[in-house]
Amino acid sequence: MAKTNYVLIDYENVQPKELTLLNDGSFKVKVFVGPNQGKIPLGLAMALQSLGGNAEYVQVETAGRNALDFHRADPRPGSQTGEGRRTALLR
């Protein structure tokens, strides 16, 4: 059984230009966007769309310093990645 790897992208700090390395099916991508980030570049939107159900946007309702960090750090199982999964954070 292949392990699922999660890539969590803090869009306030990282705007990836390329996601093709994540197309092999063993990755799930979550892009965290703040309440004031109303636009995503077409290239990123198309790259995420090509991942199908393995990609999603997570809109954080709270603005302010480190708001996305606290949202991602939610320790409840299943809140972002669950337990026992490998995770890479891009920030």
Protein backbone atom coordinates (compact mmCIF):
# COMPACT_ATOMS: atom_id res chain seq x y z
CA MET A 1 0.00 0.00 0.00
CA ALA A 2 1.48 3.35 -1.05
CA LYS A 3 1.73 6.06 1.58
CA THR A 4 0.02 9.37 1.04
CA ASN A 5 2.26 12.41 1.29
CA TYR A 6 0.68 15.75 2.13
CA VAL A 7 2.04 19.04 0.83
CA LEU A 8 0.69 22.03 2.75
CA ILE A 9 1.26 25.35 1.01
CA ASP A 10 1.02 28.62 2.92
CA TYR A 11 0.04 30.80 -0.03
CA GLU A 12 0.75 34.02 1.88
CA ASN A 13 4.43 33.03 1.92
CA VAL A 14 4.87 30.65 -1.03
CA GLN A 15 3.50 31.03 -4.54
CA PRO A 16 4.60 27.85 -6.36
CA LYS A 17 5.24 28.08 -10.08
CA GLU A 18 5.39 24.34 -10.76
CA LEU A 19 3.51 21.35 -9.30
CA THR A 20 4.15 18.66 -11.93
CA LEU A 21 6.30 16.59 -9.55
CA LEU A 22 3.16 15.98 -7.49
CA ASN A 23 1.19 14.31 -10.30
CA ASP A 24 2.14 10.72 -9.46
CA GLY A 25 -0.89 10.17 -7.23
CA SER A 26 0.91 9.72 -3.90
CA PHE A 27 0.55 13.40 -3.00
CA LYS A 28 -2.33 15.42 -1.63
CA VAL A 29 -1.92 19.19 -1.81
CA LYS A 30 -3.64 21.72 0.43
CA VAL A 31 -3.23 25.40 -0.38
CA PHE A 32 -4.02 27.63 2.58
CA VAL A 33 -5.22 31.08 1.57
CA GLY A 34 -6.04 34.01 3.84
CA PRO A 35 -9.31 35.96 3.90
CA ASN A 36 -7.76 38.81 1.92
CA GLN A 37 -6.40 36.61 -0.87
CA GLY A 38 -9.24 36.71 -3.36
CA LYS A 39 -7.28 35.82 -6.49
CA ILE A 40 -5.21 32.80 -7.48
CA PRO A 41 -3.12 32.95 -10.67
CA LEU A 42 -4.53 30.92 -13.54
CA GLY A 43 -1.37 28.79 -13.79
CA LEU A 44 -1.64 27.65 -10.16
CA ALA A 45 -5.38 27.05 -10.46
CA MET A 46 -4.85 24.88 -13.56
CA ALA A 47 -1.99 22.96 -11.91
CA LEU A 48 -4.14 22.22 -8.87
CA GLN A 49 -7.12 21.30 -11.03
CA SER A 50 -4.96 18.74 -12.85
CA LEU A 51 -4.45 16.99 -9.49
CA GLY A 52 -8.20 16.40 -9.25
CA GLY A 53 -9.33 15.23 -5.82
CA ASN A 54 -5.73 15.27 -4.59
CA ALA A 55 -5.76 19.06 -4.29
CA GLU A 56 -7.86 21.53 -2.40
CA TYR A 57 -7.94 25.12 -1.21
CA VAL A 58 -8.42 25.83 2.47
CA GLN A 59 -9.72 29.36 3.11
CA VAL A 60 -8.73 30.63 6.53
CA GLU A 61 -11.27 33.05 7.99
CA THR A 62 -8.92 34.80 10.40
CA ALA A 63 -6.45 37.43 9.24
CA GLY A 64 -3.33 38.45 11.10
CA ARG A 65 0.20 37.42 11.85
CA ASN A 66 0.65 33.64 11.76
CA ALA A 67 -3.08 32.97 11.30
CA LEU A 68 -2.35 30.35 8.65
CA ASP A 69 0.32 28.74 10.84
CA PHE A 70 -2.17 28.27 13.67
CA HIS A 71 -4.80 26.89 11.30
CA ARG A 72 -2.38 24.29 9.92
CA ALA A 73 -1.19 23.34 13.40
CA ASP A 74 -4.62 22.09 14.50
CA PRO A 75 -3.68 18.88 16.35
CA ARG A 76 -7.03 17.08 16.00
CA PRO A 77 -6.76 13.86 13.97
CA GLY A 78 -8.01 14.43 10.46
CA SER A 79 -8.12 18.21 10.83
CA GLN A 80 -5.55 18.73 8.09
CA THR A 81 -3.54 15.57 7.48
CA GLY A 82 -4.52 13.13 10.21
CA GLU A 83 -2.03 11.00 12.07
CA GLY A 84 0.68 8.77 10.66
CA ARG A 85 1.13 10.62 7.38
CA ARG A 86 4.21 12.30 5.96
CA THR A 87 3.79 16.03 5.50
CA ALA A 88 5.85 18.76 3.82
CA LEU A 89 5.09 22.35 4.61
CA LEU A 90 5.98 25.01 2.05
CA ARG A 91 6.18 28.42 3.65
